[in-house]
């Protein structure tokens, strides 16, 4: 199965079918689109690029003056 992306951080998600907690570790290859959709922080992906939204750049909040 083709990898959708590689994790740059450890993440906690729910298994898409059984709805049980799952821990994915740094360096894990994500192959399930239902799993990748749960990882919404772009910093969790290598290159800070979410595989579910490939054309969308990471959103950064402006620092207050």
PDB file of N, CA and C in Angstrom:
ATOM      1  N   UNK A   1       0.834  -1.165   0.000  1.00  0.00           N
ATOM      2  CA  UNK A   1       0.000   0.000   0.000  1.00  0.00           C
ATOM      3  C   UNK A   1       0.892   1.246   0.000  1.00  0.00           C
ATOM      4  N   UNK A   2       0.519   2.252  -0.756  1.00  0.00           N
ATOM      5  CA  UNK A   2       1.304   3.468  -0.874  1.00  0.00           C
ATOM      6  C   UNK A   2       1.155   4.348   0.367  1.00  0.00           C
ATOM      7  N   UNK A   3       2.289   4.901   0.805  1.00  0.00           N
ATOM      8  CA  UNK A   3       2.281   5.799   1.953  1.00  0.00           C
ATOM      9  C   UNK A   3       1.758   7.168   1.540  1.00  0.00           C
ATOM     10  N   UNK A   4       0.848   7.724   2.358  1.00  0.00           N
ATOM     11  CA  UNK A   4       0.320   9.063   2.114  1.00  0.00           C
ATOM     12  C   UNK A   4       1.235  10.130   2.690  1.00  0.00           C
ATOM     13  N   UNK A   5       2.024   9.755   3.677  1.00  0.00           N
ATOM     14  CA  UNK A   5       2.938  10.684   4.309  1.00  0.00           C
ATOM     15  C   UNK A   5       3.653  10.031   5.473  1.00  0.00           C
ATOM     16  N   UNK A   6       4.688  10.716   5.958  1.00  0.00           N
ATOM     17  CA  UNK A   6       5.478  10.224   7.079  1.00  0.00           C
ATOM     18  C   UNK A   6       5.313  11.206   8.232  1.00  0.00           C
ATOM     19  N   UNK A   7       5.131  10.674   9.421  1.00  0.00           N
ATOM     20  CA  UNK A   7       4.909  11.516  10.587  1.00  0.00           C
ATOM     21  C   UNK A   7       6.219  12.088  11.117  1.00  0.00           C
ATOM     22  N   UNK A   8       6.174  13.356  11.475  1.00  0.00           N
ATOM     23  CA  UNK A   8       7.322  14.035  12.073  1.00  0.00           C
ATOM     24  C   UNK A   8       7.131  14.172  13.578  1.00  0.00           C
ATOM     25  N   UNK A   9       6.013  13.695  14.094  1.00  0.00           N
ATOM     26  CA  UNK A   9       5.709  13.768  15.522  1.00  0.00           C
ATOM     27  C   UNK A   9       4.822  12.591  15.907  1.00  0.00           C
ATOM     28  N   UNK A  10       4.813  12.283  17.179  1.00  0.00           N
ATOM     29  CA  UNK A  10       3.914  11.251  17.697  1.00  0.00           C
ATOM     30  C   UNK A  10       2.506  11.835  17.792  1.00  0.00           C
ATOM     31  N   UNK A  11       1.512  11.087  17.335  1.00  0.00           N
ATOM     32  CA  UNK A  11       0.126  11.561  17.366  1.00  0.00           C
ATOM     33  C   UNK A  11      -0.781  10.508  17.991  1.00  0.00           C
ATOM     34  N   UNK A  12      -1.863  10.986  18.574  1.00  0.00           N
ATOM     35  CA  UNK A  12      -2.887  10.124  19.160  1.00  0.00           C
ATOM     36  C   UNK A  12      -4.153  10.311  18.336  1.00  0.00           C
ATOM     37  N   UNK A  13      -4.708   9.208  17.833  1.00  0.00           N
ATOM     38  CA  UNK A  13      -5.921   9.252  17.014  1.00  0.00           C
ATOM     39  C   UNK A  13      -6.870   8.158  17.489  1.00  0.00           C
ATOM     40  N   UNK A  14      -8.032   8.097  16.845  1.00  0.00           N
ATOM     41  CA  UNK A  14      -8.959   6.984  17.054  1.00  0.00           C
ATOM     42  C   UNK A  14      -8.932   6.105  15.814  1.00  0.00           C
ATOM     43  N   UNK A  15      -8.874   4.803  16.029  1.00  0.00           N
ATOM     44  CA  UNK A  15      -8.936   3.862  14.915  1.00  0.00           C
ATOM     45  C   UNK A  15     -10.233   4.122  14.161  1.00  0.00           C
ATOM     46  N   UNK A  16     -10.162   4.317  12.831  1.00  0.00           N
ATOM     47  CA  UNK A  16     -11.359   4.683  12.065  1.00  0.00           C
ATOM     48  C   UNK A  16     -12.477   3.637  12.080  1.00  0.00           C
ATOM     49  N   UNK A  17     -12.151   2.369  12.263  1.00  0.00           N
ATOM     50  CA  UNK A  17     -13.188   1.344  12.232  1.00  0.00           C
ATOM     51  C   UNK A  17     -13.649   0.934  13.633  1.00  0.00           C
ATOM     52  N   UNK A  18     -12.708   0.784  14.563  1.00  0.00           N
ATOM     53  CA  UNK A  18     -13.062   0.311  15.896  1.00  0.00           C
ATOM     54  C   UNK A  18     -13.252   1.429  16.910  1.00  0.00           C
ATOM     55  N   UNK A  19     -12.849   2.667  16.555  1.00  0.00           N
ATOM     56  CA  UNK A  19     -12.974   3.841  17.417  1.00  0.00           C
ATOM     57  C   UNK A  19     -12.244   3.658  18.746  1.00  0.00           C
ATOM     58  N   UNK A  20     -11.100   2.969  18.704  1.00  0.00           N
ATOM     59  CA  UNK A  20     -10.260   2.800  19.877  1.00  0.00           C
ATOM     60  C   UNK A  20      -9.031   3.695  19.739  1.00  0.00           C
ATOM     61  N   UNK A  21      -8.457   4.156  20.859  1.00  0.00           N
ATOM     62  CA  UNK A  21      -7.283   5.023  20.793  1.00  0.00           C
ATOM     63  C   UNK A  21      -6.073   4.300  20.192  1.00  0.00           C
ATOM     64  N   UNK A  22      -5.343   5.027  19.344  1.00  0.00           N
ATOM     65  CA  UNK A  22      -4.142   4.501  18.693  1.00  0.00           C
ATOM     66  C   UNK A  22      -3.058   5.570  18.786  1.00  0.00           C
ATOM     67  N   UNK A  23      -1.820   5.138  19.041  1.00  0.00           N
ATOM     68  CA  UNK A  23      -0.686   6.054  19.059  1.00  0.00           C
ATOM     69  C   UNK A  23       0.190   5.730  17.856  1.00  0.00           C
ATOM     70  N   UNK A  24       0.425   6.748  17.024  1.00  0.00           N
ATOM     71  CA  UNK A  24       1.330   6.602  15.885  1.00  0.00           C
ATOM     72  C   UNK A  24       2.611   7.350  16.217  1.00  0.00           C
ATOM     73  N   UNK A  25       3.751   6.753  15.921  1.00  0.00           N
ATOM     74  CA  UNK A  25       5.033   7.311  16.321  1.00  0.00           C
ATOM     75  C   UNK A  25       5.729   8.067  15.200  1.00  0.00           C
ATOM     76  N   UNK A  26       6.660   8.914  15.582  1.00  0.00           N
ATOM     77  CA  UNK A  26       7.484   9.650  14.628  1.00  0.00           C
ATOM     78  C   UNK A  26       8.132   8.656  13.666  1.00  0.00           C
ATOM     79  N   UNK A  27       8.056   8.948  12.379  1.00  0.00           N
ATOM     80  CA  UNK A  27       8.641   8.076  11.360  1.00  0.00           C
ATOM     81  C   UNK A  27       7.676   7.063  10.787  1.00  0.00           C
ATOM     82  N   UNK A  28       6.501   6.910  11.385  1.00  0.00           N
ATOM     83  CA  UNK A  28       5.501   5.974  10.854  1.00  0.00           C
ATOM     84  C   UNK A  28       4.971   6.474   9.520  1.00  0.00           C
ATOM     85  N   UNK A  29       4.741   5.552   8.598  1.00  0.00           N
ATOM     86  CA  UNK A  29       4.140   5.870   7.303  1.00  0.00           C
ATOM     87  C   UNK A  29       2.633   5.678   7.426  1.00  0.00           C
ATOM     88  N   UNK A  30       1.872   6.687   7.069  1.00  0.00           N
ATOM     89  CA  UNK A  30       0.406   6.616   7.129  1.00  0.00           C
ATOM     90  C   UNK A  30      -0.095   6.208   5.745  1.00  0.00           C
ATOM     91  N   UNK A  31      -0.874   5.132   5.698  1.00  0.00           N
ATOM     92  CA  UNK A  31      -1.385   4.628   4.420  1.00  0.00           C
ATOM     93  C   UNK A  31      -2.900   4.742   4.300  1.00  0.00           C
ATOM     94  N   UNK A  32      -3.584   4.962   5.406  1.00  0.00           N
ATOM     95  CA  UNK A  32      -5.050   5.018   5.408  1.00  0.00           C
ATOM     96  C   UNK A  32      -5.528   6.470   5.362  1.00  0.00           C
ATOM     97  N   UNK A  33      -6.295   6.853   4.335  1.00  0.00           N
ATOM     98  CA  UNK A  33      -6.803   8.225   4.258  1.00  0.00           C
ATOM     99  C   UNK A  33      -7.663   8.620   5.465  1.00  0.00           C
ATOM    100  N   UNK A  34      -8.399   7.674   6.039  1.00  0.00           N
ATOM    101  CA  UNK A  34      -9.237   7.967   7.206  1.00  0.00           C
ATOM    102  C   UNK A  34      -8.376   8.327   8.419  1.00  0.00           C
ATOM    103  N   UNK A  35      -7.184   7.766   8.499  1.00  0.00           N
ATOM    104  CA  UNK A  35      -6.251   8.094   9.574  1.00  0.00           C
ATOM    105  C   UNK A  35      -5.627   9.459   9.309  1.00  0.00           C
ATOM    106  N   UNK A  36      -5.185   9.708   8.085  1.00  0.00           N
ATOM    107  CA  UNK A  36      -4.518  10.979   7.775  1.00  0.00           C
ATOM    108  C   UNK A  36      -5.453  12.176   7.947  1.00  0.00           C
ATOM    109  N   UNK A  37      -6.759  11.982   7.742  1.00  0.00           N
ATOM    110  CA  UNK A  37      -7.721  13.067   7.925  1.00  0.00           C
ATOM    111  C   UNK A  37      -7.818  13.506   9.386  1.00  0.00           C
ATOM    112  N   UNK A  38      -7.512  12.611  10.318  1.00  0.00           N
ATOM    113  CA  UNK A  38      -7.570  12.950  11.736  1.00  0.00           C
ATOM    114  C   UNK A  38      -6.362  13.759  12.201  1.00  0.00           C
ATOM    115  N   UNK A  39      -5.279  13.739  11.428  1.00  0.00           N
ATOM    116  CA  UNK A  39      -4.057  14.445  11.808  1.00  0.00           C
ATOM    117  C   UNK A  39      -4.099  15.810  11.132  1.00  0.00           C
ATOM    118  N   UNK A  40      -4.623  16.789  11.848  1.00  0.00           N
ATOM    119  CA  UNK A  40      -4.892  18.091  11.246  1.00  0.00           C
ATOM    120  C   UNK A  40      -3.773  19.107  11.426  1.00  0.00           C
ATOM    121  N   UNK A  41      -2.855  18.851  12.327  1.00  0.00           N
ATOM    122  CA  UNK A  41      -1.752  19.778  12.542  1.00  0.00           C
ATOM    123  C   UNK A  41      -0.667  19.519  11.495  1.00  0.00           C
ATOM    124  N   UNK A  42      -0.368  20.494  10.626  1.00  0.00           N
ATOM    125  CA  UNK A  42       0.639  20.271   9.584  1.00  0.00           C
ATOM    126  C   UNK A  42       2.030  19.999  10.143  1.00  0.00           C
ATOM    127  N   UNK A  43       2.300  20.421  11.360  1.00  0.00           N
ATOM    128  CA  UNK A  43       3.616  20.174  11.967  1.00  0.00           C
ATOM    129  C   UNK A  43       3.843  18.700  12.292  1.00  0.00           C
ATOM    130  N   UNK A  44       2.788  17.901  12.270  1.00  0.00           N
ATOM    131  CA  UNK A  44       2.915  16.470  12.538  1.00  0.00           C
ATOM    132  C   UNK A  44       3.446  15.703  11.333  1.00  0.00           C
ATOM    133  N   UNK A  45       3.449  16.326  10.173  1.00  0.00           N
ATOM    134  CA  UNK A  45       3.888  15.678   8.940  1.00  0.00           C
ATOM    135  C   UNK A  45       5.284  16.157   8.551  1.00  0.00           C
ATOM    136  N   UNK A  46       6.080  15.253   7.994  1.00  0.00           N
ATOM    137  CA  UNK A  46       7.381  15.664   7.475  1.00  0.00           C
ATOM    138  C   UNK A  46       7.148  16.673   6.364  1.00  0.00           C
ATOM    139  N   UNK A  47       7.874  17.771   6.401  1.00  0.00           N
ATOM    140  CA  UNK A  47       7.695  18.829   5.426  1.00  0.00           C
ATOM    141  C   UNK A  47       6.501  19.714   5.726  1.00  0.00           C
ATOM    142  N   UNK A  48       5.842  19.482   6.866  1.00  0.00           N
ATOM    143  CA  UNK A  48       4.654  20.249   7.280  1.00  0.00           C
ATOM    144  C   UNK A  48       3.610  20.341   6.176  1.00  0.00           C
ATOM    145  N   UNK A  49       3.410  19.249   5.454  1.00  0.00           N
ATOM    146  CA  UNK A  49       2.441  19.208   4.365  1.00  0.00           C
ATOM    147  C   UNK A  49       1.468  18.068   4.619  1.00  0.00           C
ATOM    148  N   UNK A  50       0.209  18.386   4.861  1.00  0.00           N
ATOM    149  CA  UNK A  50      -0.810  17.383   5.095  1.00  0.00           C
ATOM    150  C   UNK A  50      -1.142  16.655   3.788  1.00  0.00           C
ATOM    151  N   UNK A  51      -1.126  15.323   3.794  1.00  0.00           N
ATOM    152  CA  UNK A  51      -1.438  14.590   2.563  1.00  0.00           C
ATOM    153  C   UNK A  51      -2.897  14.723   2.139  1.00  0.00           C
ATOM    154  N   UNK A  52      -3.789  15.093   3.046  1.00  0.00           N
ATOM    155  CA  UNK A  52      -5.199  15.235   2.686  1.00  0.00           C
ATOM    156  C   UNK A  52      -5.489  16.588   2.061  1.00  0.00           C
ATOM    157  N   UNK A  53      -4.600  17.571   2.260  1.00  0.00           N
ATOM    158  CA  UNK A  53      -4.756  18.899   1.677  1.00  0.00           C
ATOM    159  C   UNK A  53      -3.421  19.316   1.063  1.00  0.00           C
ATOM    160  N   UNK A  54      -2.979  18.648  -0.020  1.00  0.00           N
ATOM    161  CA  UNK A  54      -1.638  18.882  -0.551  1.00  0.00           C
ATOM    162  C   UNK A  54      -1.387  20.287  -1.079  1.00  0.00           C
ATOM    163  N   UNK A  55      -2.384  20.996  -1.572  1.00  0.00           N
ATOM    164  CA  UNK A  55      -2.155  22.311  -2.145  1.00  0.00           C
ATOM    165  C   UNK A  55      -2.309  23.445  -1.152  1.00  0.00           C
ATOM    166  N   UNK A  56      -2.737  23.139   0.039  1.00  0.00           N
ATOM    167  CA  UNK A  56      -3.005  24.170   1.030  1.00  0.00           C
ATOM    168  C   UNK A  56      -1.779  24.370   1.920  1.00  0.00           C
ATOM    169  N   UNK A  57      -1.207  25.594   1.950  1.00  0.00           N
ATOM    170  CA  UNK A  57      -0.041  25.828   2.796  1.00  0.00           C
ATOM    171  C   UNK A  57      -0.444  25.870   4.266  1.00  0.00           C
ATOM    172  N   UNK A  58       0.512  25.623   5.175  1.00  0.00           N
ATOM    173  CA  UNK A  58       0.187  25.667   6.598  1.00  0.00           C
ATOM    174  C   UNK A  58      -0.263  27.074   7.003  1.00  0.00           C
ATOM    175  N   UNK A  59      -1.233  27.126   7.896  1.00  0.00           N
ATOM    176  CA  UNK A  59      -1.757  28.404   8.363  1.00  0.00           C
ATOM    177  C   UNK A  59      -0.943  28.839   9.574  1.00  0.00           C
ATOM    178  N   UNK A  60      -0.414  30.045   9.529  1.00  0.00           N
ATOM    179  CA  UNK A  60       0.352  30.594  10.651  1.00  0.00           C
ATOM    180  C   UNK A  60      -0.366  31.808  11.199  1.00  0.00           C
ATOM    181  N   UNK A  61      -0.473  31.883  12.504  1.00  0.00           N
ATOM    182  CA  UNK A  61      -1.106  33.043  13.119  1.00  0.00           C
ATOM    183  C   UNK A  61      -0.063  34.147  13.301  1.00  0.00           C
ATOM    184  N   UNK A  62      -0.479  35.359  13.072  1.00  0.00           N
ATOM    185  CA  UNK A  62       0.411  36.514  13.262  1.00  0.00           C
ATOM    186  C   UNK A  62       0.627  36.728  14.759  1.00  0.00           C
ATOM    187  N   UNK A  63       1.857  37.128  15.101  1.00  0.00           N
ATOM    188  CA  UNK A  63       2.169  37.422  16.497  1.00  0.00           C
ATOM    189  C   UNK A  63       1.625  38.808  16.834  1.00  0.00           C
ATOM    190  N   UNK A  64       1.070  38.949  18.026  1.00  0.00           N
ATOM    191  CA  UNK A  64       0.566  40.264  18.405  1.00  0.00           C
ATOM    192  C   UNK A  64       1.722  41.255  18.547  1.00  0.00           C
ATOM    193  N   UNK A  65       1.452  42.524  18.229  1.00  0.00           N
ATOM    194  CA  UNK A  65       2.479  43.561  18.284  1.00  0.00           C
ATOM    195  C   UNK A  65       2.754  44.008  19.687  1.00  0.00           C
TER     196      UNK A  65
END
